Amino acid sequence: MSKSVFYHAGCPVCVSAEQDLLSLVGAENVNVVHVGINKEKVQEAESLGIKSVPALVTPNGNVLHINYGASIEDLKN
């Protein structure tokens, strides 16, 4: 089984969601991508269907938007 991927922008909402998610499912089961630092990953996230972060992409490609921290559009700038 491949890992889920958690995309976030580093805002307080995102950091809190990351901590809770890793606590629930284990860090070994999730790759974390900080799109605020890794701007090249914004386009990747958008191509997967992410509209806002924090968001989790499951191994089968489902996108789970968690709370609301930032729009993917805002991260393009």
C-alpha atoms as a PDB file:
ATOM      1  CA  MET A   1       0.000   0.000   0.000  1.00  0.00           C
ATOM      2  CA  SER A   2       1.325   3.437  -0.872  1.00  0.00           C
ATOM      3  CA  LYS A   3       1.203   6.352   1.521  1.00  0.00           C
ATOM      4  CA  SER A   4      -1.278   9.182   1.722  1.00  0.00           C
ATOM      5  CA  VAL A   5       0.072  12.657   0.988  1.00  0.00           C
ATOM      6  CA  PHE A   6      -0.780  15.613   3.224  1.00  0.00           C
ATOM      7  CA  TYR A   7      -0.445  19.042   1.593  1.00  0.00           C
ATOM      8  CA  HIS A   8      -0.297  22.174   3.714  1.00  0.00           C
ATOM      9  CA  ALA A   9       0.946  25.773   3.661  1.00  0.00           C
ATOM     10  CA  GLY A  10       2.342  26.132   7.167  1.00  0.00           C
ATOM     11  CA  CYS A  11      -0.456  28.266   8.602  1.00  0.00           C
ATOM     12  CA  PRO A  12      -1.705  27.529  12.137  1.00  0.00           C
ATOM     13  CA  VAL A  13      -4.748  25.620  10.805  1.00  0.00           C
ATOM     14  CA  CYS A  14      -2.473  23.480   8.614  1.00  0.00           C
ATOM     15  CA  VAL A  15       0.069  22.776  11.348  1.00  0.00           C
ATOM     16  CA  SER A  16      -2.653  21.761  13.779  1.00  0.00           C
ATOM     17  CA  ALA A  17      -4.237  19.453  11.194  1.00  0.00           C
ATOM     18  CA  GLU A  18      -0.828  17.938  10.417  1.00  0.00           C
ATOM     19  CA  GLN A  19      -0.130  17.193  14.077  1.00  0.00           C
ATOM     20  CA  ASP A  20      -3.554  15.602  14.576  1.00  0.00           C
ATOM     21  CA  LEU A  21      -3.346  13.586  11.370  1.00  0.00           C
ATOM     22  CA  LEU A  22       0.125  12.223  12.107  1.00  0.00           C
ATOM     23  CA  SER A  23      -0.983  11.339  15.622  1.00  0.00           C
ATOM     24  CA  LEU A  24      -4.030   9.480  14.281  1.00  0.00           C
ATOM     25  CA  VAL A  25      -2.533   7.531  11.385  1.00  0.00           C
ATOM     26  CA  GLY A  26       1.197   7.584  12.138  1.00  0.00           C
ATOM     27  CA  ALA A  27       3.960   9.536  10.439  1.00  0.00           C
ATOM     28  CA  GLU A  28       5.129   6.384   8.668  1.00  0.00           C
ATOM     29  CA  ASN A  29       1.846   6.308   6.703  1.00  0.00           C
ATOM     30  CA  VAL A  30       1.846   9.887   5.398  1.00  0.00           C
ATOM     31  CA  ASN A  31       4.162  11.966   3.236  1.00  0.00           C
ATOM     32  CA  VAL A  32       3.931  15.636   4.212  1.00  0.00           C
ATOM     33  CA  VAL A  33       4.316  18.327   1.543  1.00  0.00           C
ATOM     34  CA  HIS A  34       4.652  21.950   2.656  1.00  0.00           C
ATOM     35  CA  VAL A  35       3.557  23.903  -0.417  1.00  0.00           C
ATOM     36  CA  GLY A  36       4.388  27.194   1.284  1.00  0.00           C
ATOM     37  CA  ILE A  37       8.063  26.233   1.157  1.00  0.00           C
ATOM     38  CA  ASN A  38       7.973  23.946  -1.894  1.00  0.00           C
ATOM     39  CA  LYS A  39       6.161  26.226  -4.359  1.00  0.00           C
ATOM     40  CA  GLU A  40       6.864  23.775  -7.197  1.00  0.00           C
ATOM     41  CA  LYS A  41       4.410  21.378  -5.512  1.00  0.00           C
ATOM     42  CA  VAL A  42       1.457  23.797  -5.823  1.00  0.00           C
ATOM     43  CA  GLN A  43       0.806  22.763  -9.424  1.00  0.00           C
ATOM     44  CA  GLU A  44       1.100  19.086  -8.441  1.00  0.00           C
ATOM     45  CA  ALA A  45      -1.461  19.585  -5.668  1.00  0.00           C
ATOM     46  CA  GLU A  46      -3.833  21.401  -7.991  1.00  0.00           C
ATOM     47  CA  SER A  47      -3.549  18.659 -10.637  1.00  0.00           C
ATOM     48  CA  LEU A  48      -4.632  16.130  -8.000  1.00  0.00           C
ATOM     49  CA  GLY A  49      -7.823  18.116  -7.355  1.00  0.00           C
ATOM     50  CA  ILE A  50      -6.790  20.077  -4.273  1.00  0.00           C
ATOM     51  CA  LYS A  51      -8.727  23.336  -3.982  1.00  0.00           C
ATOM     52  CA  SER A  52      -7.467  24.403  -0.554  1.00  0.00           C
ATOM     53  CA  VAL A  53      -5.041  23.289   2.108  1.00  0.00           C
ATOM     54  CA  PRO A  54      -4.747  21.476   4.389  1.00  0.00           C
ATOM     55  CA  ALA A  55      -5.744  18.493   2.288  1.00  0.00           C
ATOM     56  CA  LEU A  56      -5.003  14.797   2.307  1.00  0.00           C
ATOM     57  CA  VAL A  57      -4.731  12.704  -0.848  1.00  0.00           C
ATOM     58  CA  THR A  58      -5.413   9.048  -0.111  1.00  0.00           C
ATOM     59  CA  PRO A  59      -3.519   6.217  -1.825  1.00  0.00           C
ATOM     60  CA  ASN A  60      -6.456   5.652  -4.180  1.00  0.00           C
ATOM     61  CA  GLY A  61      -6.523   9.334  -5.218  1.00  0.00           C
ATOM     62  CA  ASN A  62      -9.384  10.710  -3.131  1.00  0.00           C
ATOM     63  CA  VAL A  63      -8.849  14.276  -1.946  1.00  0.00           C
ATOM     64  CA  LEU A  64      -9.981  15.065   1.585  1.00  0.00           C
ATOM     65  CA  HIS A  65     -10.083  18.796   2.295  1.00  0.00           C
ATOM     66  CA  ILE A  66      -9.501  19.315   6.000  1.00  0.00           C
ATOM     67  CA  ASN A  67     -10.790  22.546   7.536  1.00  0.00           C
ATOM     68  CA  TYR A  68      -9.653  25.642   5.607  1.00  0.00           C
ATOM     69  CA  GLY A  69      -6.252  27.277   5.789  1.00  0.00           C
ATOM     70  CA  ALA A  70      -5.556  28.712   2.337  1.00  0.00           C
ATOM     71  CA  SER A  71      -6.883  28.522  -1.185  1.00  0.00           C
ATOM     72  CA  ILE A  72      -4.641  26.819  -3.753  1.00  0.00           C
ATOM     73  CA  GLU A  73      -5.127  29.975  -5.849  1.00  0.00           C
ATOM     74  CA  ASP A  74      -3.587  32.092  -3.087  1.00  0.00           C
ATOM     75  CA  LEU A  75      -0.543  29.826  -3.022  1.00  0.00           C
ATOM     76  CA  LYS A  76       0.193  30.391  -6.717  1.00  0.00           C
ATOM     77  CA  ASN A  77       1.248  33.985  -6.066  1.00  0.00           C
END
